[in-house]
Amino acid sequence: MERIKFYSKSDLGCSYNLEKLYEIVNNYDENRKNYNINDIIEFYNISLYNDNECYLKKWTDIEIEKIKNVCKKMNKSIGVYLSNIDNSNIEKIFLRNGKELSIL
């Protein structure tokens, strides 16, 4: 599965990523607790699109406001996830079944 990646506001792939971003934002569940490191990195990239005010022209003000609100919740998930990483679990996060986990 291809993940959302933010490179810059002027990147030609923005519109493609923004279409995917909208789907992820609509399916985001703030109560879910089993996000993995790839989800967290993707949430961070989604937040970068939002922070840089990269939106599709077809989106309404209501849709943009929803994205902003969900990004706040995603940032909370990012903080909770990262604050739980320590020396006892960092290797487990990046290794799955003894194999290196592919990051994005």
C-alpha atoms as a PDB file:
ATOM      1  CA  MET A   1       0.000   0.000   0.000  1.00  0.00           C
ATOM      2  CA  GLU A   2       1.340   3.402  -0.934  1.00  0.00           C
ATOM      3  CA  ARG A   3       1.383   5.885   1.887  1.00  0.00           C
ATOM      4  CA  ILE A   4       0.946   9.631   1.863  1.00  0.00           C
ATOM      5  CA  LYS A   5       4.241  11.507   1.825  1.00  0.00           C
ATOM      6  CA  PHE A   6       4.731  15.245   1.977  1.00  0.00           C
ATOM      7  CA  TYR A   7       7.679  16.673   0.073  1.00  0.00           C
ATOM      8  CA  SER A   8       6.727  20.324  -0.451  1.00  0.00           C
ATOM      9  CA  LYS A   9       3.802  22.577  -1.300  1.00  0.00           C
ATOM     10  CA  SER A  10       4.969  22.720  -4.911  1.00  0.00           C
ATOM     11  CA  ASP A  11       5.374  18.962  -5.395  1.00  0.00           C
ATOM     12  CA  LEU A  12       3.522  17.703  -8.468  1.00  0.00           C
ATOM     13  CA  GLY A  13       2.221  14.710  -6.519  1.00  0.00           C
ATOM     14  CA  CYS A  14       0.219  16.866  -4.117  1.00  0.00           C
ATOM     15  CA  SER A  15      -3.169  16.368  -5.756  1.00  0.00           C
ATOM     16  CA  TYR A  16      -2.736  12.585  -5.846  1.00  0.00           C
ATOM     17  CA  ASN A  17      -1.783  12.536  -2.163  1.00  0.00           C
ATOM     18  CA  LEU A  18      -4.582  14.935  -1.249  1.00  0.00           C
ATOM     19  CA  GLU A  19      -7.169  12.583  -2.760  1.00  0.00           C
ATOM     20  CA  LYS A  20      -5.819   9.772  -0.553  1.00  0.00           C
ATOM     21  CA  LEU A  21      -5.576  12.153   2.405  1.00  0.00           C
ATOM     22  CA  TYR A  22      -9.291  12.869   2.233  1.00  0.00           C
ATOM     23  CA  GLU A  23     -10.130   9.168   2.379  1.00  0.00           C
ATOM     24  CA  ILE A  24      -7.830   8.572   5.353  1.00  0.00           C
ATOM     25  CA  VAL A  25      -9.216  11.580   7.220  1.00  0.00           C
ATOM     26  CA  ASN A  26     -12.770  10.317   6.678  1.00  0.00           C
ATOM     27  CA  ASN A  27     -11.847   6.862   8.016  1.00  0.00           C
ATOM     28  CA  TYR A  28      -9.711   8.032  10.948  1.00  0.00           C
ATOM     29  CA  ASP A  29     -10.786   6.595  14.293  1.00  0.00           C
ATOM     30  CA  GLU A  30      -9.427   8.516  17.264  1.00  0.00           C
ATOM     31  CA  ASN A  31     -10.414   5.669  19.608  1.00  0.00           C
ATOM     32  CA  ARG A  32      -8.316   3.076  17.789  1.00  0.00           C
ATOM     33  CA  LYS A  33      -5.236   2.158  19.826  1.00  0.00           C
ATOM     34  CA  ASN A  34      -3.361  -0.235  17.534  1.00  0.00           C
ATOM     35  CA  TYR A  35      -1.845   2.149  14.991  1.00  0.00           C
ATOM     36  CA  ASN A  36       1.641   1.149  13.866  1.00  0.00           C
ATOM     37  CA  ILE A  37       4.711   3.252  13.114  1.00  0.00           C
ATOM     38  CA  ASN A  38       3.773   3.537   9.426  1.00  0.00           C
ATOM     39  CA  ASP A  39       0.332   4.891  10.342  1.00  0.00           C
ATOM     40  CA  ILE A  40       1.942   7.436  12.651  1.00  0.00           C
ATOM     41  CA  ILE A  41       4.405   8.587   9.993  1.00  0.00           C
ATOM     42  CA  GLU A  42       1.532   8.901   7.533  1.00  0.00           C
ATOM     43  CA  PHE A  43      -0.477  10.960  10.041  1.00  0.00           C
ATOM     44  CA  TYR A  44       2.531  13.250  10.392  1.00  0.00           C
ATOM     45  CA  ASN A  45       2.707  13.698   6.622  1.00  0.00           C
ATOM     46  CA  ILE A  46      -1.032  14.435   6.512  1.00  0.00           C
ATOM     47  CA  SER A  47      -0.485  17.076   9.182  1.00  0.00           C
ATOM     48  CA  LEU A  48       2.265  18.625   7.060  1.00  0.00           C
ATOM     49  CA  TYR A  49      -0.195  19.014   4.174  1.00  0.00           C
ATOM     50  CA  ASN A  50      -2.621  20.666   6.565  1.00  0.00           C
ATOM     51  CA  ASP A  51       0.032  22.886   8.193  1.00  0.00           C
ATOM     52  CA  ASN A  52       1.063  24.089   4.739  1.00  0.00           C
ATOM     53  CA  GLU A  53      -2.583  24.686   3.795  1.00  0.00           C
ATOM     54  CA  CYS A  54      -2.473  22.291   0.858  1.00  0.00           C
ATOM     55  CA  TYR A  55      -6.077  21.587  -0.057  1.00  0.00           C
ATOM     56  CA  LEU A  56      -7.878  20.643  -3.251  1.00  0.00           C
ATOM     57  CA  LYS A  57      -9.841  23.475  -4.837  1.00  0.00           C
ATOM     58  CA  LYS A  58     -12.929  21.271  -5.008  1.00  0.00           C
ATOM     59  CA  TRP A  59     -13.085  20.943  -1.216  1.00  0.00           C
ATOM     60  CA  THR A  60     -15.628  23.083   0.563  1.00  0.00           C
ATOM     61  CA  ASP A  61     -14.860  25.157   3.655  1.00  0.00           C
ATOM     62  CA  ILE A  62     -16.704  22.529   5.693  1.00  0.00           C
ATOM     63  CA  GLU A  63     -14.498  19.733   4.325  1.00  0.00           C
ATOM     64  CA  ILE A  64     -11.353  21.746   5.008  1.00  0.00           C
ATOM     65  CA  GLU A  65     -12.511  22.448   8.556  1.00  0.00           C
ATOM     66  CA  LYS A  66     -13.101  18.714   9.060  1.00  0.00           C
ATOM     67  CA  ILE A  67      -9.553  17.988   7.846  1.00  0.00           C
ATOM     68  CA  LYS A  68      -8.166  20.570  10.273  1.00  0.00           C
ATOM     69  CA  ASN A  69     -10.106  19.051  13.172  1.00  0.00           C
ATOM     70  CA  VAL A  70      -9.085  15.474  12.336  1.00  0.00           C
ATOM     71  CA  CYS A  71      -5.444  16.573  11.996  1.00  0.00           C
ATOM     72  CA  LYS A  72      -5.581  17.863  15.580  1.00  0.00           C
ATOM     73  CA  LYS A  73      -6.765  14.419  16.672  1.00  0.00           C
ATOM     74  CA  MET A  74      -4.090  12.723  14.561  1.00  0.00           C
ATOM     75  CA  ASN A  75      -1.449  14.913  16.211  1.00  0.00           C
ATOM     76  CA  LYS A  76      -2.672  13.648  19.568  1.00  0.00           C
ATOM     77  CA  SER A  77      -2.321  10.046  18.339  1.00  0.00           C
ATOM     78  CA  ILE A  78       1.191  10.855  17.120  1.00  0.00           C
ATOM     79  CA  GLY A  79       2.129  12.272  20.528  1.00  0.00           C
ATOM     80  CA  VAL A  80       0.679   9.358  22.469  1.00  0.00           C
ATOM     81  CA  TYR A  81       2.385   6.818  20.217  1.00  0.00           C
ATOM     82  CA  LEU A  82       5.791   8.493  20.304  1.00  0.00           C
ATOM     83  CA  SER A  83       5.652   9.116  24.046  1.00  0.00           C
ATOM     84  CA  ASN A  84       5.273   5.363  24.580  1.00  0.00           C
ATOM     85  CA  ILE A  85       8.489   4.496  22.725  1.00  0.00           C
ATOM     86  CA  ASP A  86      11.408   3.699  24.994  1.00  0.00           C
ATOM     87  CA  ASN A  87      14.474   1.468  25.123  1.00  0.00           C
ATOM     88  CA  SER A  88      12.381  -1.571  26.025  1.00  0.00           C
ATOM     89  CA  ASN A  89      10.148  -1.493  22.942  1.00  0.00           C
ATOM     90  CA  ILE A  90      11.877   0.403  20.141  1.00  0.00           C
ATOM     91  CA  GLU A  91      13.369  -2.720  18.567  1.00  0.00           C
ATOM     92  CA  LYS A  92       9.983  -4.449  18.608  1.00  0.00           C
ATOM     93  CA  ILE A  93       8.430  -1.457  16.819  1.00  0.00           C
ATOM     94  CA  PHE A  94      10.878  -1.688  13.930  1.00  0.00           C
ATOM     95  CA  LEU A  95      11.084  -5.470  13.782  1.00  0.00           C
ATOM     96  CA  ARG A  96       8.169  -7.727  13.054  1.00  0.00           C
ATOM     97  CA  ASN A  97       8.609 -11.510  13.347  1.00  0.00           C
ATOM     98  CA  GLY A  98      12.365 -11.033  13.472  1.00  0.00           C
ATOM     99  CA  LYS A  99      12.400  -9.149  10.176  1.00  0.00           C
ATOM    100  CA  GLU A 100      12.966  -5.452   9.650  1.00  0.00           C
ATOM    101  CA  LEU A 101       9.682  -3.602   9.207  1.00  0.00           C
ATOM    102  CA  SER A 102       9.409  -1.636   5.982  1.00  0.00           C
ATOM    103  CA  ILE A 103       8.962   2.004   6.906  1.00  0.00           C
ATOM    104  CA  LEU A 104       6.840   3.827   4.363  1.00  0.00           C
END
